[in-house]
Structure formats: C-alpha cells, structure tokens
Amino acid sequence: MTFPTQTARTPGHAAHKSGALSPREREVLWDMEDHFWTSGADNAQATTATNAVMVFPYPAGILQGDQIWPHLRERTGWRSVVMAERRVMRCGEFAILTYRVSAEKPDVPIYKALCASTYLKDDDKWLRISHQQTMVV
C-alpha cells in the first residue's frame, strides 16, 4: 500500500499563503485592539463576534459568547495600555495580532500579559473571534 507523499507543509495549502494587510487595515485592527482594553465592555462587544472565544488567566478561564461580557465589564477601562512586540499575520480573511501588554488603571497593580487576538473580515468589517491572555510576572 502506498500513501501520498504530500505533507502538511504543502506550499499550495491555504495556511501557507500569508497575505499582507494594508497600512490602513493594520491601523484599524490595532486601534480596535487598543479600544478593546480602554473603551469598556460595550465597545469590546460591538467589535466582537457573537460566539467568540476568550481565554483569560485563572479564575476566569475559557469564556464564550455571553459568558464574556460580565467578566469584561469588571476588567476593562484601563487608563493606559502599552502594546510592545506587536506582530500581525494575515491568512485569507483572518488576521492574528500578537503582543505584550502593560495595562494600568487606578488602584490596580500594573497588568502584564502576552496576548493574541484573531479577527475575521466579514462583509468588509473586522470582528474579533478570539482573544487570549497569558499573564506574565
């Protein structure tokens, strides 16, 4: 019995065809990500798909859809956010933003994390479909 010799890294596979975001698209996505942190849960919800998935440090854990918003109502509205080591990757209608964040608000210790957000371009509008934070000390 013989098997095809193609591997998962076949150049023709869609996952290997990275695309580029225009400077305007990059600006829009990074602006959306900044507002995700600073503009409150209502803004975050308006730019997030209905059944999105988010992963937060313990105790919140993995949240999806309507589970997300009570958590974010308590944990958004940072007064300043610095995103370092920013990277963006596009594959078809998906864009992934990765970065190291340092966020600050009154009476709360500075929050530092490694983050990733995935966006889908749907009907010419970007929507967040996932977000993940790994706290760093």
C-alpha atoms as a PDB file:
ATOM      1  CA  MET A   1       0.000   0.000   0.000  1.00  0.00           C
ATOM      2  CA  THR A   2       1.333   3.451  -0.876  1.00  0.00           C
ATOM      3  CA  PHE A   3       0.409   6.793   0.577  1.00  0.00           C
ATOM      4  CA  PRO A   4       0.705  10.243  -0.939  1.00  0.00           C
ATOM      5  CA  THR A   5       3.975  11.927  -0.050  1.00  0.00           C
ATOM      6  CA  GLN A   6       2.413  15.345   0.466  1.00  0.00           C
ATOM      7  CA  THR A   7       2.952  16.782   3.908  1.00  0.00           C
ATOM      8  CA  ALA A   8       1.042  19.363   5.885  1.00  0.00           C
ATOM      9  CA  ARG A   9       3.531  21.940   4.616  1.00  0.00           C
ATOM     10  CA  THR A  10       2.397  21.660   1.009  1.00  0.00           C
ATOM     11  CA  PRO A  11       3.026  25.131  -0.451  1.00  0.00           C
ATOM     12  CA  GLY A  12      -0.375  25.168  -2.134  1.00  0.00           C
ATOM     13  CA  HIS A  13      -2.222  24.811   1.169  1.00  0.00           C
ATOM     14  CA  ALA A  14      -4.152  27.958   2.173  1.00  0.00           C
ATOM     15  CA  ALA A  15      -2.426  28.146   5.577  1.00  0.00           C
ATOM     16  CA  HIS A  16       0.907  28.666   3.817  1.00  0.00           C
ATOM     17  CA  LYS A  17      -0.321  31.574   1.724  1.00  0.00           C
ATOM     18  CA  SER A  18       0.191  34.508   4.003  1.00  0.00           C
ATOM     19  CA  GLY A  19      -1.225  37.784   2.888  1.00  0.00           C
ATOM     20  CA  ALA A  20      -0.355  41.305   3.763  1.00  0.00           C
ATOM     21  CA  LEU A  21      -2.539  43.825   5.492  1.00  0.00           C
ATOM     22  CA  SER A  22      -2.603  47.300   4.065  1.00  0.00           C
ATOM     23  CA  PRO A  23      -1.274  50.042   6.345  1.00  0.00           C
ATOM     24  CA  ARG A  24      -4.894  51.190   6.810  1.00  0.00           C
ATOM     25  CA  GLU A  25      -6.055  47.696   7.823  1.00  0.00           C
ATOM     26  CA  ARG A  26      -3.184  47.453  10.321  1.00  0.00           C
ATOM     27  CA  GLU A  27      -4.157  50.817  11.772  1.00  0.00           C
ATOM     28  CA  VAL A  28      -7.815  49.783  12.058  1.00  0.00           C
ATOM     29  CA  LEU A  29      -7.001  46.475  13.766  1.00  0.00           C
ATOM     30  CA  TRP A  30      -4.508  47.938  16.259  1.00  0.00           C
ATOM     31  CA  ASP A  31      -6.967  50.740  17.028  1.00  0.00           C
ATOM     32  CA  MET A  32      -9.707  48.148  17.661  1.00  0.00           C
ATOM     33  CA  GLU A  33      -7.349  46.225  19.927  1.00  0.00           C
ATOM     34  CA  ASP A  34      -6.429  49.367  21.882  1.00  0.00           C
ATOM     35  CA  HIS A  35     -10.116  50.217  22.356  1.00  0.00           C
ATOM     36  CA  PHE A  36     -10.758  46.631  23.461  1.00  0.00           C
ATOM     37  CA  TRP A  37      -8.651  47.480  26.519  1.00  0.00           C
ATOM     38  CA  THR A  38      -9.548  51.126  27.098  1.00  0.00           C
ATOM     39  CA  SER A  39     -13.120  51.743  25.948  1.00  0.00           C
ATOM     40  CA  GLY A  40     -15.126  49.368  28.125  1.00  0.00           C
ATOM     41  CA  ALA A  41     -17.109  46.186  27.613  1.00  0.00           C
ATOM     42  CA  ASP A  42     -19.774  47.738  25.375  1.00  0.00           C
ATOM     43  CA  ASN A  43     -17.146  48.767  22.831  1.00  0.00           C
ATOM     44  CA  ALA A  44     -15.464  45.365  23.074  1.00  0.00           C
ATOM     45  CA  GLN A  45     -18.803  43.643  22.493  1.00  0.00           C
ATOM     46  CA  ALA A  46     -19.553  45.810  19.440  1.00  0.00           C
ATOM     47  CA  THR A  47     -16.290  44.708  17.790  1.00  0.00           C
ATOM     48  CA  THR A  48     -16.513  41.029  18.765  1.00  0.00           C
ATOM     49  CA  ALA A  49     -18.374  38.187  17.047  1.00  0.00           C
ATOM     50  CA  THR A  50     -21.423  36.852  18.901  1.00  0.00           C
ATOM     51  CA  ASN A  51     -19.979  33.436  19.701  1.00  0.00           C
ATOM     52  CA  ALA A  52     -16.335  34.472  20.152  1.00  0.00           C
ATOM     53  CA  VAL A  53     -14.000  32.608  22.493  1.00  0.00           C
ATOM     54  CA  MET A  54     -11.734  34.301  25.024  1.00  0.00           C
ATOM     55  CA  VAL A  55      -9.147  32.769  27.318  1.00  0.00           C
ATOM     56  CA  PHE A  56      -8.172  34.674  30.453  1.00  0.00           C
ATOM     57  CA  PRO A  57      -5.896  33.840  33.380  1.00  0.00           C
ATOM     58  CA  TYR A  58      -7.388  31.911  36.300  1.00  0.00           C
ATOM     59  CA  PRO A  59     -10.031  32.167  37.680  1.00  0.00           C
ATOM     60  CA  ALA A  60     -11.931  33.375  34.580  1.00  0.00           C
ATOM     61  CA  GLY A  61     -10.565  30.703  32.235  1.00  0.00           C
ATOM     62  CA  ILE A  62     -12.242  29.928  28.908  1.00  0.00           C
ATOM     63  CA  LEU A  63     -15.307  32.027  28.135  1.00  0.00           C
ATOM     64  CA  GLN A  64     -17.536  32.011  25.063  1.00  0.00           C
ATOM     65  CA  GLY A  65     -20.384  34.162  23.797  1.00  0.00           C
ATOM     66  CA  ASP A  66     -22.432  35.814  26.553  1.00  0.00           C
ATOM     67  CA  GLN A  67     -20.121  34.451  29.278  1.00  0.00           C
ATOM     68  CA  ILE A  68     -17.510  37.007  28.206  1.00  0.00           C
ATOM     69  CA  TRP A  69     -19.314  40.264  28.961  1.00  0.00           C
ATOM     70  CA  PRO A  70     -19.786  40.080  32.760  1.00  0.00           C
ATOM     71  CA  HIS A  71     -16.050  39.359  33.026  1.00  0.00           C
ATOM     72  CA  LEU A  72     -15.098  42.266  30.763  1.00  0.00           C
ATOM     73  CA  ARG A  73     -17.434  44.731  32.482  1.00  0.00           C
ATOM     74  CA  GLU A  74     -15.279  44.293  35.581  1.00  0.00           C
ATOM     75  CA  ARG A  75     -11.926  44.201  33.801  1.00  0.00           C
ATOM     76  CA  THR A  76     -11.876  46.782  31.008  1.00  0.00           C
ATOM     77  CA  GLY A  77     -11.473  50.535  31.063  1.00  0.00           C
ATOM     78  CA  TRP A  78      -7.711  50.612  31.534  1.00  0.00           C
ATOM     79  CA  ARG A  79      -6.494  54.201  31.509  1.00  0.00           C
ATOM     80  CA  SER A  80      -3.267  53.417  29.689  1.00  0.00           C
ATOM     81  CA  VAL A  81      -2.155  50.471  27.631  1.00  0.00           C
ATOM     82  CA  VAL A  82       1.224  49.861  26.041  1.00  0.00           C
ATOM     83  CA  MET A  83       1.455  47.135  23.407  1.00  0.00           C
ATOM     84  CA  ALA A  84       5.023  46.048  22.675  1.00  0.00           C
ATOM     85  CA  GLU A  85       6.489  43.357  20.421  1.00  0.00           C
ATOM     86  CA  ARG A  86       3.478  43.807  18.141  1.00  0.00           C
ATOM     87  CA  ARG A  87       3.115  41.344  15.310  1.00  0.00           C
ATOM     88  CA  VAL A  88       0.359  40.787  12.799  1.00  0.00           C
ATOM     89  CA  MET A  89      -0.234  37.930  10.405  1.00  0.00           C
ATOM     90  CA  ARG A  90      -2.903  37.537   7.759  1.00  0.00           C
ATOM     91  CA  CYS A  91      -4.217  34.363   6.179  1.00  0.00           C
ATOM     92  CA  GLY A  92      -7.145  34.894   3.840  1.00  0.00           C
ATOM     93  CA  GLU A  93      -9.894  36.703   5.694  1.00  0.00           C
ATOM     94  CA  PHE A  94      -8.242  36.144   9.098  1.00  0.00           C
ATOM     95  CA  ALA A  95      -5.740  38.363  10.888  1.00  0.00           C
ATOM     96  CA  ILE A  96      -3.925  37.490  14.100  1.00  0.00           C
ATOM     97  CA  LEU A  97      -2.473  40.194  16.321  1.00  0.00           C
ATOM     98  CA  THR A  98       0.069  39.199  18.966  1.00  0.00           C
ATOM     99  CA  TYR A  99       1.694  41.483  21.504  1.00  0.00           C
ATOM    100  CA  ARG A 100       2.990  42.018  25.023  1.00  0.00           C
ATOM    101  CA  VAL A 101       0.717  44.342  27.010  1.00  0.00           C
ATOM    102  CA  SER A 102       1.269  46.503  30.052  1.00  0.00           C
ATOM    103  CA  ALA A 103      -2.030  48.000  31.254  1.00  0.00           C
ATOM    104  CA  GLU A 104      -2.667  50.430  34.072  1.00  0.00           C
ATOM    105  CA  LYS A 105      -5.646  51.848  35.949  1.00  0.00           C
ATOM    106  CA  PRO A 106      -6.113  53.498  39.344  1.00  0.00           C
ATOM    107  CA  ASP A 107      -5.826  51.330  42.465  1.00  0.00           C
ATOM    108  CA  VAL A 108      -4.891  48.199  40.492  1.00  0.00           C
ATOM    109  CA  PRO A 109      -1.386  46.776  40.038  1.00  0.00           C
ATOM    110  CA  ILE A 110       0.016  47.108  36.524  1.00  0.00           C
ATOM    111  CA  TYR A 111      -1.224  44.148  34.497  1.00  0.00           C
ATOM    112  CA  LYS A 112       1.270  42.468  32.160  1.00  0.00           C
ATOM    113  CA  ALA A 113       0.390  39.731  29.709  1.00  0.00           C
ATOM    114  CA  LEU A 114       1.151  38.103  26.376  1.00  0.00           C
ATOM    115  CA  CYS A 115      -1.902  38.424  24.151  1.00  0.00           C
ATOM    116  CA  ALA A 116      -3.308  37.183  20.868  1.00  0.00           C
ATOM    117  CA  SER A 117      -6.486  38.285  19.111  1.00  0.00           C
ATOM    118  CA  THR A 118      -7.884  36.743  15.967  1.00  0.00           C
ATOM    119  CA  TYR A 119     -10.068  38.815  13.657  1.00  0.00           C
ATOM    120  CA  LEU A 120     -12.272  37.755  10.760  1.00  0.00           C
ATOM    121  CA  LYS A 121     -13.051  40.131   7.915  1.00  0.00           C
ATOM    122  CA  ASP A 122     -16.769  39.603   7.350  1.00  0.00           C
ATOM    123  CA  ASP A 123     -18.779  41.792   4.969  1.00  0.00           C
ATOM    124  CA  ASP A 124     -15.843  44.218   4.788  1.00  0.00           C
ATOM    125  CA  LYS A 125     -15.820  44.638   8.601  1.00  0.00           C
ATOM    126  CA  TRP A 126     -13.263  43.190  11.010  1.00  0.00           C
ATOM    127  CA  LEU A 127     -14.693  41.271  14.003  1.00  0.00           C
ATOM    128  CA  ARG A 128     -12.737  39.716  16.863  1.00  0.00           C
ATOM    129  CA  ILE A 129     -13.424  35.971  17.012  1.00  0.00           C
ATOM    130  CA  SER A 130     -10.946  35.087  19.741  1.00  0.00           C
ATOM    131  CA  HIS A 131      -8.745  36.707  22.343  1.00  0.00           C
ATOM    132  CA  GLN A 132      -6.251  35.114  24.713  1.00  0.00           C
ATOM    133  CA  GLN A 133      -4.164  36.497  27.585  1.00  0.00           C
ATOM    134  CA  THR A 134      -1.280  34.814  29.383  1.00  0.00           C
ATOM    135  CA  MET A 135      -0.258  36.792  32.451  1.00  0.00           C
ATOM    136  CA  VAL A 136       3.459  37.407  32.901  1.00  0.00           C
ATOM    137  CA  VAL A 137       5.189  38.347  36.106  1.00  0.00           C
END
